Amino acid sequence: MKESSTKLTIFVTTVSVLALNGSLLANTVVKPVVSEVRVYPHGADVIRQFVVDVPAGDHRVVIQGLPASVGDFAVRAIGSSSHVRIVDTKRTTKFDDEAFAAKVRELDKQIDELNQTIAQHEDELLSIEMEVELLQGVVEQHPQQKAPESEDVEAGLQRTRGVLALIRESSKEAFDSRREVQRALNDAKTRLRQIRSERNQIGGRELESAELSLGLVSTEDKETAFVVSYYSSQAGWHSTYHAYLDSGSKSLTIVHDAVVLQNSPENWQDVALVLSTTNPDRRTAPPRQFSHFVDLREKDDEIVYDQAYAVTGARVVEPSAPSVMLEERVYAGMHFVPVSALPFSTEYRTPNPQSVANDSSEHGIIGLGSYAIDNVEIKTTIVPRHDDVGYLAANFEYDQDIPLPEGEMRCFVDDSFVGELLVGNILPNEDVVIPLGIDQRIRVVVENQGGMKGDEGIFRNRKVEETHFLVLIENNGSSGSSIEVLDYYPVARHEDIRVEVHRDATAPSKTDIDDRPGRIAWTKDLDSGGTWQILQRYSVSYPRDTLLSRSNR
């Protein structure tokens, strides 16, 4: 057999069996390893490839070592395969007592070795503790020891310094040893827990595997490549990002990585990993549409629901309860929350083969993509009614061709970590805003100017409430900054309420932002070292015998 171009690890044997219709039928047995895995947000297609020499006529290929828990396998011949057809498939479950016993013996051996290692580390710790106690006793007893009568003061000081230096060096070595041994002991105990958990999981049951037998008919003797694939629901992936903003050059770099989790029956060792944003549901045909009839009925008539007839027989269709749109799911120890359907279908191929253990631990995939974005608009937003800080944000048009799925993003500004957030799907040519935390370059001070409550009118038949505060802004950065200050004017919903903006108030740059009545903003490009003052002052008056009702909607 020629070596496959994909360099797959395959074990192939051929055995002779009984004659069938006067001709000899040869079974080819293969044990292909996992070569590629296509991971979806929830689930994965596992792919194994192999190449065999298929003789002309009838032939059978037996695929061994497949997971027994998988329900459906899909097999196809690829490449120049017009000469061969798969005419039947047979699936059986195999129990490997010998492999099970070997696995148990290996785990038990590891448990014994770890127990011995833990006992040795505990003995070392006990010895170190005795050494530390001995050193403490020397420190406590040394001042009580009498110096020789012939010893002068200088010699006594030298002797004390020597004792202290010896104690310091010995205690440092003892403490370092204790830390190292304690770390090794913790690692051994952690590993022991993992091995015992694995041992408990297999318990007393036999090791199972599936065997798939393919009946082939070929028109010629030819080497043929095959692919067997199966779906696992116990896997998934999500995107992670790092965003790096250079405020000086106003450039942003987004690095796209991913996290894969899986708890399927097998480890993925050195596989080509493909991350897909789709979630195939294996339905091949649309649902059937039946006729629908309506009629009048008397109030007391019994309600009879229509019946829809499918291939499997009659099914009564009843009004269904409202469905939960986002349902939490747990797959064999893994915690997933379904995400909304993505408006795009994209695949990301990892640059190098990956190994992903089936222990539900996070497996990071680095280097799905890196995107440099220039001409980023950097804006600092201040909301003085809430706090006296500015919040930095990067605004840009995403001009890349590859969409980015939603995921967690760690944000850095001028090489300093500022926080983490969850970003939604980013599509090509879409305007994007990425919050980047508190802008440390901008100093904000909000001063209350003594807003008052009082009466107005000839007979003082109206109440007046005044809002009056000053916002002081200073740019302490080395470059200019675009500042936006958000606030509002109250909007009256009753004709007896009057809102008056005072003449000395700073006029806003924009009003009714985002079509929200009363929402205002002041904007300014503030140079390095520059300052800016905004005075907000308005009053609300209303009839004296009434109360104000306040709402944000």
Protein backbone atom coordinates (compact mmCIF):
# COMPACT_ATOMS: atom_id res chain seq x y z
CA MET A 1 0.00 0.00 0.00
CA LYS A 2 1.31 3.46 -0.90
CA GLU A 3 1.75 6.01 1.80
CA SER A 4 -1.09 8.52 1.85
CA SER A 5 -0.23 12.09 0.88
CA THR A 6 -1.75 13.22 4.15
CA LYS A 7 0.67 10.98 6.08
CA LEU A 8 -2.08 9.42 8.17
CA THR A 9 -1.31 6.78 10.76
CA ILE A 10 -3.25 3.71 9.61
CA PHE A 11 -3.01 0.06 10.55
CA VAL A 12 -4.18 -2.18 7.69
CA THR A 13 -4.40 -5.96 7.58
CA THR A 14 -5.97 -8.30 5.04
CA VAL A 15 -7.47 -11.68 5.97
CA SER A 16 -9.02 -14.42 3.87
CA VAL A 17 -12.50 -15.65 4.66
CA LEU A 18 -14.97 -18.12 3.20
CA ALA A 19 -15.57 -18.21 -0.55
CA LEU A 20 -18.59 -16.23 -1.66
CA ASN A 21 -20.30 -17.14 -4.98
CA GLY A 22 -17.20 -19.02 -6.03
CA SER A 23 -14.79 -16.10 -5.53
CA LEU A 24 -12.52 -15.34 -2.63
CA LEU A 25 -13.60 -12.32 -0.51
CA ALA A 26 -10.81 -10.47 1.30
CA ASN A 27 -11.50 -8.20 4.28
CA THR A 28 -9.25 -5.18 4.76
CA VAL A 29 -9.09 -4.03 8.39
CA VAL A 30 -8.09 -0.44 9.11
CA LYS A 31 -7.72 1.56 12.33
CA PRO A 32 -7.47 5.19 11.14
CA VAL A 33 -6.69 7.94 13.62
CA VAL A 34 -8.53 11.25 13.83
CA SER A 35 -7.05 13.51 11.16
CA GLU A 36 -9.36 16.54 11.22
CA VAL A 37 -12.03 17.99 13.49
CA ARG A 38 -14.53 20.65 12.43
CA VAL A 39 -15.74 22.35 15.62
CA TYR A 40 -18.97 24.32 15.75
CA PRO A 41 -20.14 26.70 18.51
CA HIS A 42 -21.96 23.65 19.91
CA GLY A 43 -20.76 20.31 18.56
CA ALA A 44 -18.09 18.96 16.23
CA ASP A 45 -17.62 16.73 13.19
CA VAL A 46 -14.75 14.28 13.73
CA ILE A 47 -13.04 13.07 10.55
CA ARG A 48 -10.81 10.07 9.96
CA GLN A 49 -9.20 9.38 6.57
CA PHE A 50 -7.55 6.25 5.21
CA VAL A 51 -6.33 4.79 1.93
CA VAL A 52 -6.64 1.13 0.88
CA ASP A 53 -5.99 -0.91 -2.24
CA VAL A 54 -9.43 -1.97 -3.44
CA PRO A 55 -9.41 -4.96 -5.83
CA ALA A 56 -11.86 -5.30 -8.67
CA GLY A 57 -15.14 -6.98 -7.76
CA ASP A 58 -16.66 -7.38 -4.29
CA HIS A 59 -14.62 -6.34 -1.29
CA ARG A 60 -15.16 -5.45 2.36
CA VAL A 61 -13.33 -2.90 4.49
CA VAL A 62 -13.66 -3.07 8.29
CA ILE A 63 -13.02 0.15 10.21
CA GLN A 64 -12.09 -0.46 13.84
CA GLY A 65 -11.49 1.74 16.87
CA LEU A 66 -14.47 4.09 16.45
CA PRO A 67 -16.28 5.48 19.53
CA ALA A 68 -19.09 3.19 20.62
CA SER A 69 -21.22 6.11 21.85
CA VAL A 70 -21.56 7.62 18.37
CA GLY A 71 -24.88 6.83 16.72
CA ASP A 72 -24.35 7.64 13.04
CA PHE A 73 -21.26 7.40 10.88
CA ALA A 74 -20.97 8.92 7.40
CA VAL A 75 -18.52 7.26 5.00
CA ARG A 76 -17.61 8.30 1.47
CA ALA A 77 -14.92 7.57 -1.09
CA ILE A 78 -13.00 10.65 -2.20
CA GLY A 79 -10.75 11.62 -5.08
CA SER A 80 -10.78 9.36 -8.14
CA SER A 81 -13.47 7.10 -6.73
CA SER A 82 -15.86 6.69 -9.66
CA HIS A 83 -14.71 3.08 -9.94
CA VAL A 84 -15.91 2.10 -6.44
CA ARG A 85 -19.30 2.17 -4.75
CA ILE A 86 -20.27 1.56 -1.13
CA VAL A 87 -23.20 -0.84 -1.32
CA ASP A 88 -23.82 -1.58 2.39
CA THR A 89 -22.62 -0.74 5.89
CA LYS A 90 -22.79 -2.80 9.08
CA ARG A 91 -22.15 -1.44 12.56
CA THR A 92 -21.23 -3.59 15.55
CA THR A 93 -20.04 -2.91 19.09
CA LYS A 94 -16.84 -4.55 20.31
CA PHE A 95 -15.83 -5.17 23.94
CA ASP A 96 -12.11 -5.22 24.59
CA ASP A 97 -11.52 -6.97 27.92
CA GLU A 98 -7.76 -7.11 27.41
CA ALA A 99 -7.48 -3.39 26.71
CA PHE A 100 -9.71 -2.67 29.69
CA ALA A 101 -7.54 -4.76 32.02
CA ALA A 102 -4.36 -3.12 30.70
CA LYS A 103 -5.88 0.32 31.25
CA VAL A 104 -6.90 -0.51 34.80
CA ARG A 105 -3.46 -1.96 35.59
CA GLU A 106 -1.77 1.15 34.24
CA LEU A 107 -3.99 3.49 36.28
CA ASP A 108 -3.53 1.42 39.45
CA LYS A 109 0.23 1.51 38.92
CA GLN A 110 0.18 5.29 38.57
CA ILE A 111 -1.94 5.59 41.73
CA ASP A 112 0.56 3.48 43.72
CA GLU A 113 3.51 5.53 42.44
CA LEU A 114 1.79 8.81 43.30
CA ASN A 115 0.95 7.58 46.80
CA GLN A 116 4.62 6.73 47.35
CA THR A 117 5.66 10.14 46.00
CA ILE A 118 3.20 11.91 48.30
CA ALA A 119 4.50 9.95 51.33
CA GLN A 120 8.09 10.92 50.47
CA HIS A 121 7.15 14.60 50.14
CA GLU A 122 5.29 14.53 53.47
CA ASP A 123 8.36 12.98 55.15
CA GLU A 124 10.54 15.73 53.64
CA LEU A 125 8.18 18.41 54.95
CA LEU A 126 8.27 16.87 58.44
CA SER A 127 12.07 16.88 58.38
CA ILE A 128 12.16 20.51 57.21
CA GLU A 129 9.72 21.55 59.96
CA MET A 130 11.99 19.92 62.56
CA GLU A 131 14.94 21.86 61.09
CA VAL A 132 13.00 25.14 61.30
CA GLU A 133 12.06 24.45 64.92
CA LEU A 134 15.70 23.72 65.72
CA LEU A 135 16.75 27.04 64.20
CA GLN A 136 14.08 28.86 66.19
CA GLY A 137 15.42 27.24 69.37
CA VAL A 138 18.94 28.45 68.56
CA VAL A 139 17.64 32.01 68.06
CA GLU A 140 15.77 31.93 71.37
CA GLN A 141 18.67 30.46 73.41
CA HIS A 142 21.59 32.41 71.95
CA PRO A 143 21.03 35.66 73.96
CA GLN A 144 20.93 33.61 77.19
CA GLN A 145 24.30 31.99 76.63
CA LYS A 146 27.14 33.53 78.63
CA ALA A 147 30.16 34.77 76.76
CA PRO A 148 33.61 33.55 77.86
CA GLU A 149 35.20 35.87 80.48
CA SER A 150 38.27 36.40 78.31
CA GLU A 151 36.15 37.52 75.31
CA ASP A 152 36.07 41.27 74.68
CA VAL A 153 33.08 43.19 73.29
CA GLU A 154 34.30 43.22 69.68
CA ALA A 155 34.88 39.46 69.65
CA GLY A 156 31.42 38.92 71.15
CA LEU A 157 29.85 41.00 68.40
CA GLN A 158 31.73 39.04 65.74
CA ARG A 159 30.60 35.75 67.25
CA THR A 160 26.96 36.95 67.33
CA ARG A 161 27.13 38.14 63.73
CA GLY A 162 28.47 34.75 62.67
CA VAL A 163 25.68 32.93 64.45
CA LEU A 164 23.06 35.23 62.92
CA ALA A 165 24.52 34.82 59.41
CA LEU A 166 24.50 31.03 59.80
CA ILE A 167 20.90 31.09 61.04
CA ARG A 168 19.86 33.41 58.18
CA GLU A 169 21.42 31.21 55.51
CA SER A 170 20.12 27.99 57.04
CA SER A 171 16.60 29.33 57.49
CA LYS A 172 16.50 30.65 53.92
CA GLU A 173 17.51 27.23 52.59
CA ALA A 174 14.91 25.56 54.83
CA PHE A 175 12.12 27.91 53.71
CA ASP A 176 13.05 27.53 50.02
CA SER A 177 13.08 23.75 50.38
CA ARG A 178 9.74 23.80 52.16
CA ARG A 179 8.15 25.84 49.35
CA GLU A 180 9.53 23.53 46.65
CA VAL A 181 8.46 20.37 48.45
CA GLN A 182 5.00 21.81 49.22
CA ARG A 183 4.56 22.72 45.54
CA ALA A 184 5.61 19.21 44.46
CA LEU A 185 3.26 17.71 47.05
CA ASN A 186 0.31 19.78 45.79
CA ASP A 187 1.06 18.80 42.19
CA ALA A 188 1.22 15.12 43.13
CA LYS A 189 -2.09 15.31 45.01
CA THR A 190 -3.75 17.08 42.06
CA ARG A 191 -2.49 14.42 39.66
CA LEU A 192 -3.65 11.69 42.04
CA ARG A 193 -7.17 13.14 42.09
CA GLN A 194 -7.21 13.17 38.30
CA ILE A 195 -6.01 9.58 38.00
CA ARG A 196 -8.49 8.36 40.63
CA SER A 197 -11.30 10.19 38.82
CA GLU A 198 -10.35 8.49 35.56
CA ARG A 199 -10.15 5.14 37.32
CA ASN A 200 -13.58 5.65 38.87
CA GLN A 201 -15.09 6.62 35.54
CA ILE A 202 -14.17 3.38 33.82
CA GLY A 203 -15.16 1.45 36.96
CA GLY A 204 -15.85 -2.19 36.27
CA ARG A 205 -17.25 -1.84 32.76
CA GLU A 206 -15.57 -3.13 29.66
CA LEU A 207 -13.96 -0.85 27.11
CA GLU A 208 -16.29 -0.45 24.16
CA SER A 209 -15.61 0.51 20.59
CA ALA A 210 -17.59 0.53 17.36
CA GLU A 211 -16.66 -1.38 14.24
CA LEU A 212 -17.95 -0.32 10.84
CA SER A 213 -17.95 -2.82 7.96
CA LEU A 214 -18.24 -1.46 4.40
CA GLY A 215 -19.36 -3.56 1.46
CA LEU A 216 -17.65 -2.32 -1.74
CA VAL A 217 -18.03 -3.02 -5.45
CA SER A 218 -15.13 -1.88 -7.63
CA THR A 219 -14.69 -1.96 -11.41
CA GLU A 220 -10.88 -2.13 -11.22
CA ASP A 221 -7.91 -2.67 -8.93
CA LYS A 222 -7.15 0.78 -7.57
CA GLU A 223 -5.92 2.62 -4.49
CA THR A 224 -8.87 4.48 -2.99
CA ALA A 225 -9.14 7.14 -0.31
CA PHE A 226 -12.04 7.09 2.14
CA VAL A 227 -13.37 9.48 4.76
CA VAL A 228 -15.41 8.43 7.79
CA SER A 229 -16.96 11.20 9.90
CA TYR A 230 -19.28 11.39 12.88
CA TYR A 231 -20.87 14.11 14.95
CA SER A 232 -20.16 14.76 18.64
CA SER A 233 -22.40 17.05 20.68
CA GLN A 234 -19.86 17.19 23.52
CA ALA A 235 -17.64 19.93 22.10
CA GLY A 236 -17.73 23.60 21.23
CA TRP A 237 -15.70 26.77 20.81
CA HIS A 238 -15.92 30.53 21.22
CA SER A 239 -13.83 33.49 20.15
CA THR A 240 -11.49 35.53 22.32
CA TYR A 241 -9.80 38.78 21.37
CA HIS A 242 -7.06 41.15 22.41
CA ALA A 243 -7.42 44.81 21.40
CA TYR A 244 -4.34 47.07 21.50
CA LEU A 245 -4.87 50.82 21.11
CA ASP A 246 -1.96 53.17 20.40
CA SER A 247 -3.37 56.57 21.36
CA GLY A 248 -0.40 58.39 19.82
CA SER A 249 -0.78 56.98 16.31
CA LYS A 250 -4.55 56.43 16.71
CA SER A 251 -4.22 52.83 15.50
CA LEU A 252 -5.93 49.71 16.81
CA THR A 253 -4.81 46.09 16.48
CA ILE A 254 -7.34 43.30 17.08
CA VAL A 255 -5.91 39.81 17.61
CA HIS A 256 -8.39 36.95 17.16
CA ASP A 257 -7.90 33.78 19.23
CA ALA A 258 -10.28 31.05 20.36
CA VAL A 259 -11.05 28.60 23.15
CA VAL A 260 -12.08 24.99 22.43
CA LEU A 261 -13.71 22.70 25.01
CA GLN A 262 -14.62 19.06 24.55
CA ASN A 263 -15.65 16.05 26.58
CA SER A 264 -16.16 13.52 23.78
CA PRO A 265 -15.14 9.84 24.18
CA GLU A 266 -11.69 10.45 22.65
CA ASN A 267 -8.75 12.82 22.78
CA TRP A 268 -7.86 14.71 19.62
CA GLN A 269 -4.15 14.24 19.01
CA ASP A 270 -2.31 16.40 16.45
CA VAL A 271 -5.40 17.05 14.33
CA ALA A 272 -6.14 19.69 11.71
CA LEU A 273 -8.61 21.89 13.56
CA VAL A 274 -11.27 23.90 11.73
CA LEU A 275 -13.47 26.31 13.70
CA SER A 276 -16.82 27.00 12.05
CA THR A 277 -19.42 29.62 12.95
CA THR A 278 -22.28 27.44 11.68
CA ASN A 279 -24.37 24.96 13.66
CA PRO A 280 -25.66 22.22 11.32
CA ASP A 281 -28.78 20.48 12.61
CA ARG A 282 -28.74 17.56 10.13
CA ARG A 283 -32.22 18.24 8.74
CA THR A 284 -32.32 17.52 5.01
CA ALA A 285 -35.86 18.47 4.02
CA PRO A 286 -38.28 21.29 4.87
CA PRO A 287 -41.32 20.49 7.05
CA ARG A 288 -44.52 19.48 5.27
CA GLN A 289 -47.26 22.07 4.84
CA PHE A 290 -50.81 20.74 5.26
CA SER A 291 -54.17 22.22 4.38
CA HIS A 292 -55.80 24.31 7.07
CA PHE A 293 -59.60 24.50 7.48
CA VAL A 294 -61.65 26.86 9.59
CA ASP A 295 -65.34 26.64 10.44
CA LEU A 296 -67.87 28.12 12.83
CA ARG A 297 -68.85 26.24 15.93
CA GLU A 298 -71.25 26.62 18.78
CA LYS A 299 -69.88 27.93 22.05
CA ASP A 300 -70.36 24.63 23.89
CA ASP A 301 -68.94 22.39 21.16
CA GLU A 302 -65.92 20.32 22.04
CA ILE A 303 -62.65 21.63 20.62
CA VAL A 304 -61.10 19.18 18.16
CA TYR A 305 -57.61 19.87 16.95
CA ASP A 306 -56.59 19.21 13.36
CA GLN A 307 -54.45 16.19 12.68
CA ALA A 308 -51.27 16.34 10.63
CA TYR A 309 -50.27 13.12 8.91
CA ALA A 310 -46.56 12.48 8.54
CA VAL A 311 -44.63 9.48 7.28
CA THR A 312 -44.60 7.94 10.76
CA GLY A 313 -48.38 8.21 11.22
CA ALA A 314 -50.92 10.58 12.74
CA ARG A 315 -49.83 13.28 15.13
CA VAL A 316 -52.16 15.57 17.04
CA VAL A 317 -51.07 19.18 16.75
CA GLU A 318 -51.90 21.19 19.84
CA PRO A 319 -51.10 24.79 20.70
CA SER A 320 -47.60 24.82 22.12
CA ALA A 321 -46.45 26.73 25.14
CA PRO A 322 -44.21 29.75 24.57
CA SER A 323 -40.69 28.49 23.98
CA VAL A 324 -37.65 29.72 25.81
CA MET A 325 -35.52 31.46 23.19
CA LEU A 326 -32.21 31.11 25.00
CA GLU A 327 -32.11 27.83 26.86
CA GLU A 328 -29.15 26.88 29.02
CA ARG A 329 -27.56 23.58 28.07
CA VAL A 330 -25.04 21.37 29.83
CA TYR A 331 -23.13 18.77 27.80
CA ALA A 332 -21.49 16.10 29.97
CA GLY A 333 -19.91 18.45 32.44
CA MET A 334 -19.38 21.31 30.03
CA HIS A 335 -21.30 24.52 30.51
CA PHE A 336 -22.65 26.16 27.34
CA VAL A 337 -25.13 28.96 26.83
CA PRO A 338 -26.46 28.95 23.26
CA VAL A 339 -25.78 32.08 21.25
CA SER A 340 -27.99 33.62 18.63
CA ALA A 341 -27.60 32.38 15.07
CA LEU A 342 -24.71 34.14 13.39
CA PRO A 343 -25.54 36.15 10.26
CA PHE A 344 -22.56 34.68 8.43
CA SER A 345 -20.80 31.38 7.79
CA THR A 346 -17.05 31.46 8.26
CA GLU A 347 -14.35 28.90 8.93
CA TYR A 348 -11.01 29.48 10.65
CA ARG A 349 -8.28 26.91 10.10
CA THR A 350 -5.57 26.69 12.72
CA PRO A 351 -2.08 27.16 11.30
CA ASN A 352 -0.64 24.09 13.06
CA PRO A 353 -1.98 20.70 14.20
CA GLN A 354 -3.66 20.85 17.59
CA SER A 355 -4.15 18.39 20.47
CA VAL A 356 -7.32 18.84 22.55
CA ALA A 357 -7.89 16.67 25.62
CA ASN A 358 -11.41 15.43 26.38
CA ASP A 359 -11.48 16.77 29.95
CA SER A 360 -13.58 19.93 29.45
CA SER A 361 -10.54 22.11 30.13
CA GLU A 362 -10.03 25.25 28.07
CA HIS A 363 -7.75 24.73 25.10
CA GLY A 364 -6.54 28.03 23.71
CA ILE A 365 -6.08 28.44 19.95
CA ILE A 366 -3.72 31.28 19.09
CA GLY A 367 -3.39 33.12 15.82
CA LEU A 368 -6.71 32.89 13.99
CA GLY A 369 -6.08 36.38 12.69
CA SER A 370 -4.59 39.81 13.40
CA TYR A 371 -6.17 42.96 12.00
CA ALA A 372 -4.58 46.43 11.98
CA ILE A 373 -6.99 49.35 11.82
CA ASP A 374 -5.76 52.89 11.15
CA ASN A 375 -7.50 56.26 11.46
CA VAL A 376 -9.33 55.25 14.61
CA GLU A 377 -11.41 57.99 16.19
CA ILE A 378 -10.56 58.12 19.88
CA LYS A 379 -13.28 59.72 21.97
CA THR A 380 -13.61 60.33 25.69
CA THR A 381 -17.15 60.45 27.07
CA ILE A 382 -18.04 62.15 30.36
CA VAL A 383 -21.41 61.76 32.10
CA PRO A 384 -21.13 64.23 35.02
CA ARG A 385 -24.42 63.26 36.68
CA HIS A 386 -23.02 59.75 37.26
CA ASP A 387 -19.33 60.23 38.07
CA ASP A 388 -16.38 62.56 37.53
CA VAL A 389 -14.26 60.49 35.13
CA GLY A 390 -13.94 60.17 31.38
CA TYR A 391 -14.47 56.89 29.52
CA LEU A 392 -12.30 56.18 26.49
CA ALA A 393 -13.65 54.50 23.35
CA ALA A 394 -12.28 53.59 19.92
CA ASN A 395 -14.61 54.29 17.00
CA PHE A 396 -13.81 52.87 13.58
CA GLU A 397 -15.13 51.22 10.45
CA TYR A 398 -14.17 47.56 10.30
CA ASP A 399 -12.72 47.34 6.78
CA GLN A 400 -11.60 43.70 6.83
CA ASP A 401 -13.19 40.96 4.69
CA ILE A 402 -13.42 38.34 7.47
CA PRO A 403 -16.26 38.74 10.01
CA LEU A 404 -15.49 38.29 13.69
CA PRO A 405 -17.88 36.24 15.89
CA GLU A 406 -18.93 37.55 19.27
CA GLY A 407 -16.57 36.82 22.16
CA GLU A 408 -14.58 38.10 25.10
CA MET A 409 -12.08 40.90 24.45
CA ARG A 410 -9.17 41.97 26.66
CA CYS A 411 -8.37 45.63 26.04
CA PHE A 412 -5.04 47.45 26.29
CA VAL A 413 -4.33 51.17 25.90
CA ASP A 414 -0.70 52.14 25.31
CA ASP A 415 0.40 48.69 26.57
CA SER A 416 -1.61 49.00 29.81
CA PHE A 417 -4.44 46.55 30.54
CA VAL A 418 -7.71 48.45 31.05
CA GLY A 419 -10.38 45.76 31.25
CA GLU A 420 -12.38 43.01 29.60
CA LEU A 421 -15.70 43.13 27.79
CA LEU A 422 -18.02 41.05 25.63
CA VAL A 423 -18.23 42.20 22.01
CA GLY A 424 -20.96 41.23 19.56
CA ASN A 425 -20.52 40.06 15.99
CA ILE A 426 -18.36 42.43 13.94
CA LEU A 427 -19.18 42.43 10.22
CA PRO A 428 -17.20 43.90 7.30
CA ASN A 429 -17.83 47.62 6.63
CA GLU A 430 -19.61 47.95 9.97
CA ASP A 431 -19.15 50.92 12.31
CA VAL A 432 -17.76 49.63 15.61
CA VAL A 433 -17.34 51.20 19.04
CA ILE A 434 -15.04 49.48 21.56
CA PRO A 435 -15.16 50.84 25.15
CA LEU A 436 -11.66 51.07 26.63
CA GLY A 437 -12.24 51.98 30.26
CA ILE A 438 -11.41 55.13 32.20
CA ASP A 439 -9.27 57.67 30.36
CA GLN A 440 -6.45 58.39 32.81
CA ARG A 441 -5.30 61.38 30.74
CA ILE A 442 -8.47 63.38 31.39
CA ARG A 443 -9.15 65.03 34.74
CA VAL A 444 -12.79 65.86 35.52
CA VAL A 445 -14.14 67.95 38.40
CA VAL A 446 -17.89 68.48 38.93
CA GLU A 447 -18.81 71.40 41.21
CA ASN A 448 -22.31 72.01 42.53
CA GLN A 449 -23.16 75.70 42.09
CA GLY A 450 -26.04 75.72 44.54
CA GLY A 451 -29.16 74.60 42.74
CA MET A 452 -32.18 75.94 44.61
CA LYS A 453 -35.81 75.26 45.40
CA GLY A 454 -38.20 78.19 45.69
CA ASP A 455 -41.43 79.91 44.67
CA GLU A 456 -42.31 82.30 41.85
CA GLY A 457 -45.24 84.41 40.69
CA ILE A 458 -47.10 87.33 42.15
CA PHE A 459 -48.86 85.14 44.65
CA ARG A 460 -46.11 82.52 44.68
CA ASN A 461 -48.43 79.92 43.28
CA ARG A 462 -45.66 77.96 41.52
CA LYS A 463 -42.69 75.96 42.77
CA VAL A 464 -39.25 76.26 41.16
CA GLU A 465 -36.42 73.70 41.18
CA GLU A 466 -33.08 74.75 39.73
CA THR A 467 -30.17 72.56 38.57
CA HIS A 468 -26.85 74.39 38.51
CA PHE A 469 -23.40 72.71 38.27
CA LEU A 470 -20.02 73.33 36.66
CA VAL A 471 -17.89 70.72 34.84
CA LEU A 472 -14.12 71.38 34.73
CA ILE A 473 -12.12 69.27 32.25
CA GLU A 474 -8.34 69.16 31.82
CA ASN A 475 -6.31 67.17 29.28
CA ASN A 476 -3.11 65.95 30.95
CA GLY A 477 -2.13 63.69 28.03
CA SER A 478 0.68 64.24 25.55
CA SER A 479 -1.73 64.56 22.61
CA GLY A 480 -5.09 66.10 21.84
CA SER A 481 -8.32 64.33 22.74
CA SER A 482 -11.89 64.42 21.46
CA ILE A 483 -14.23 65.06 24.41
CA GLU A 484 -17.96 64.42 24.60
CA VAL A 485 -20.01 65.41 27.67
CA LEU A 486 -23.52 63.93 27.94
CA ASP A 487 -26.43 65.36 29.91
CA TYR A 488 -30.11 66.25 29.47
CA TYR A 489 -32.77 68.90 29.77
CA PRO A 490 -36.01 67.68 31.38
CA VAL A 491 -38.85 67.26 28.89
CA ALA A 492 -42.28 68.44 30.10
CA ARG A 493 -45.18 66.09 29.47
CA HIS A 494 -47.76 68.47 30.93
CA GLU A 495 -48.66 71.98 29.83
CA ASP A 496 -48.40 73.30 33.41
CA ILE A 497 -44.69 72.36 33.63
CA ARG A 498 -42.16 74.87 32.26
CA VAL A 499 -38.45 74.17 31.65
CA GLU A 500 -36.20 77.22 31.30
CA VAL A 501 -32.50 77.12 30.32
CA HIS A 502 -30.63 80.05 31.85
CA ARG A 503 -28.77 82.51 29.68
CA ASP A 504 -25.37 81.86 31.28
CA ALA A 505 -25.59 78.07 30.61
CA THR A 506 -23.18 76.64 28.05
CA ALA A 507 -25.09 75.92 24.84
CA PRO A 508 -24.90 72.24 23.83
CA SER A 509 -23.30 71.15 20.56
CA LYS A 510 -26.04 68.57 19.82
CA THR A 511 -29.60 68.06 21.03
CA ASP A 512 -32.07 65.18 20.90
CA ILE A 513 -29.24 62.67 20.44
CA ASP A 514 -30.31 59.29 19.03
CA ASP A 515 -33.81 60.75 18.65
CA ARG A 516 -34.16 60.93 22.44
CA PRO A 517 -35.90 64.19 23.42
CA GLY A 518 -33.88 66.36 25.79
CA ARG A 519 -30.66 64.35 25.47
CA ILE A 520 -27.81 66.79 24.82
CA ALA A 521 -24.05 66.73 24.33
CA TRP A 522 -21.16 69.15 24.41
CA THR A 523 -18.22 68.23 22.16
CA LYS A 524 -14.73 69.66 21.86
CA ASP A 525 -11.26 68.70 20.60
CA LEU A 526 -9.12 69.48 23.62
CA ASP A 527 -5.39 70.02 23.04
CA SER A 528 -2.71 68.61 25.33
CA GLY A 529 -2.67 70.70 28.51
CA GLY A 530 -5.93 72.39 27.56
CA THR A 531 -8.85 73.07 29.89
CA TRP A 532 -12.59 73.39 29.32
CA GLN A 533 -15.50 74.58 31.45
CA ILE A 534 -19.15 73.68 30.94
CA LEU A 535 -21.89 75.37 32.96
CA GLN A 536 -25.18 73.49 33.12
CA ARG A 537 -28.07 75.57 34.50
CA TYR A 538 -31.81 75.25 34.06
CA SER A 539 -34.96 75.45 36.17
CA VAL A 540 -38.25 73.58 36.26
CA SER A 541 -41.42 75.26 37.54
CA TYR A 542 -44.81 73.69 38.19
CA PRO A 543 -48.05 74.44 40.14
CA ARG A 544 -47.57 74.69 43.87
CA ASP A 545 -50.28 72.17 44.76
CA THR A 546 -48.80 69.40 42.58
CA LEU A 547 -45.83 67.05 42.67
CA LEU A 548 -43.35 66.21 39.91
CA SER A 549 -43.24 62.72 38.50
CA ARG A 550 -39.82 61.76 37.10
CA SER A 551 -39.06 59.05 34.56
CA ASN A 552 -36.21 58.09 32.26
CA ARG A 553 -38.59 56.87 29.56
